[in-house]
């Protein structure tokens, strides 16, 4: 998950290098979404990731069950 953290930080920095309020809003949205991961006071994070559920792995669509 380190790559997600690095992406979020890099993206926030990139978006803040402008005066475009829409890009600043996007940066704020990313910061809000990942605020727990970006808090330097939290040493360890419990991060859970869900697997994409669009395919059952056997060529069928999960939605068709």
Protein backbone atom coordinates (compact mmCIF):
# COMPACT_ATOMS: atom_id res chain seq x y z
CA UNK A 1 0.00 0.00 0.00
CA UNK A 2 3.03 2.28 0.11
CA UNK A 3 2.54 3.08 -3.57
CA UNK A 4 -0.97 4.40 -2.87
CA UNK A 5 0.36 6.65 -0.11
CA UNK A 6 3.14 7.95 -2.37
CA UNK A 7 0.69 8.52 -5.24
CA UNK A 8 -1.65 10.50 -2.96
CA UNK A 9 1.15 12.72 -1.64
CA UNK A 10 2.60 13.31 -5.12
CA UNK A 11 -0.82 14.06 -6.60
CA UNK A 12 -1.68 16.52 -3.82
CA UNK A 13 1.62 18.33 -4.34
CA UNK A 14 1.09 18.46 -8.11
CA UNK A 15 -2.45 19.81 -7.79
CA UNK A 16 -1.35 22.49 -5.30
CA UNK A 17 1.17 23.94 -7.76
CA UNK A 18 -1.59 25.96 -9.44
CA UNK A 19 -4.02 28.76 -8.76
CA UNK A 20 -6.86 26.78 -10.38
CA UNK A 21 -9.49 26.41 -7.65
CA UNK A 22 -10.84 23.20 -9.20
CA UNK A 23 -7.42 21.56 -8.91
CA UNK A 24 -7.10 22.80 -5.33
CA UNK A 25 -10.52 21.29 -4.59
CA UNK A 26 -9.29 17.99 -6.05
CA UNK A 27 -6.18 18.14 -3.83
CA UNK A 28 -8.37 18.75 -0.78
CA UNK A 29 -10.62 15.83 -1.73
CA UNK A 30 -7.63 13.48 -1.98
CA UNK A 31 -6.30 14.74 1.36
CA UNK A 32 -9.71 14.17 2.95
CA UNK A 33 -9.99 10.66 1.53
CA UNK A 34 -6.51 9.59 2.66
CA UNK A 35 -6.25 11.72 5.82
CA UNK A 36 -5.66 8.76 8.14
CA UNK A 37 -2.85 7.44 5.93
CA UNK A 38 -1.25 10.87 5.73
CA UNK A 39 -1.23 11.53 9.49
CA UNK A 40 2.43 11.32 10.60
CA UNK A 41 1.34 10.72 14.22
CA UNK A 42 -0.09 7.31 13.31
CA UNK A 43 2.75 4.79 13.15
CA UNK A 44 0.93 1.72 11.83
CA UNK A 45 -2.20 1.57 9.72
CA UNK A 46 -4.68 -1.24 9.29
CA UNK A 47 -5.40 -1.09 5.58
CA UNK A 48 -7.91 -3.38 3.94
CA UNK A 49 -8.32 -3.70 0.20
CA UNK A 50 -11.23 -5.32 -1.59
CA UNK A 51 -10.71 -7.43 -4.66
CA UNK A 52 -12.50 -6.38 -7.84
CA UNK A 53 -15.74 -8.34 -8.02
CA UNK A 54 -16.65 -7.97 -11.69
CA UNK A 55 -15.63 -11.49 -12.69
CA UNK A 56 -15.94 -14.73 -10.74
CA UNK A 57 -12.60 -15.98 -12.11
CA UNK A 58 -14.27 -18.62 -14.27
CA UNK A 59 -15.40 -16.36 -17.10
CA UNK A 60 -18.76 -15.54 -15.51
CA UNK A 61 -20.05 -12.28 -14.20
CA UNK A 62 -20.65 -12.06 -10.44
CA UNK A 63 -23.76 -9.96 -11.04
CA UNK A 64 -25.34 -12.85 -12.92
CA UNK A 65 -25.40 -15.13 -9.84
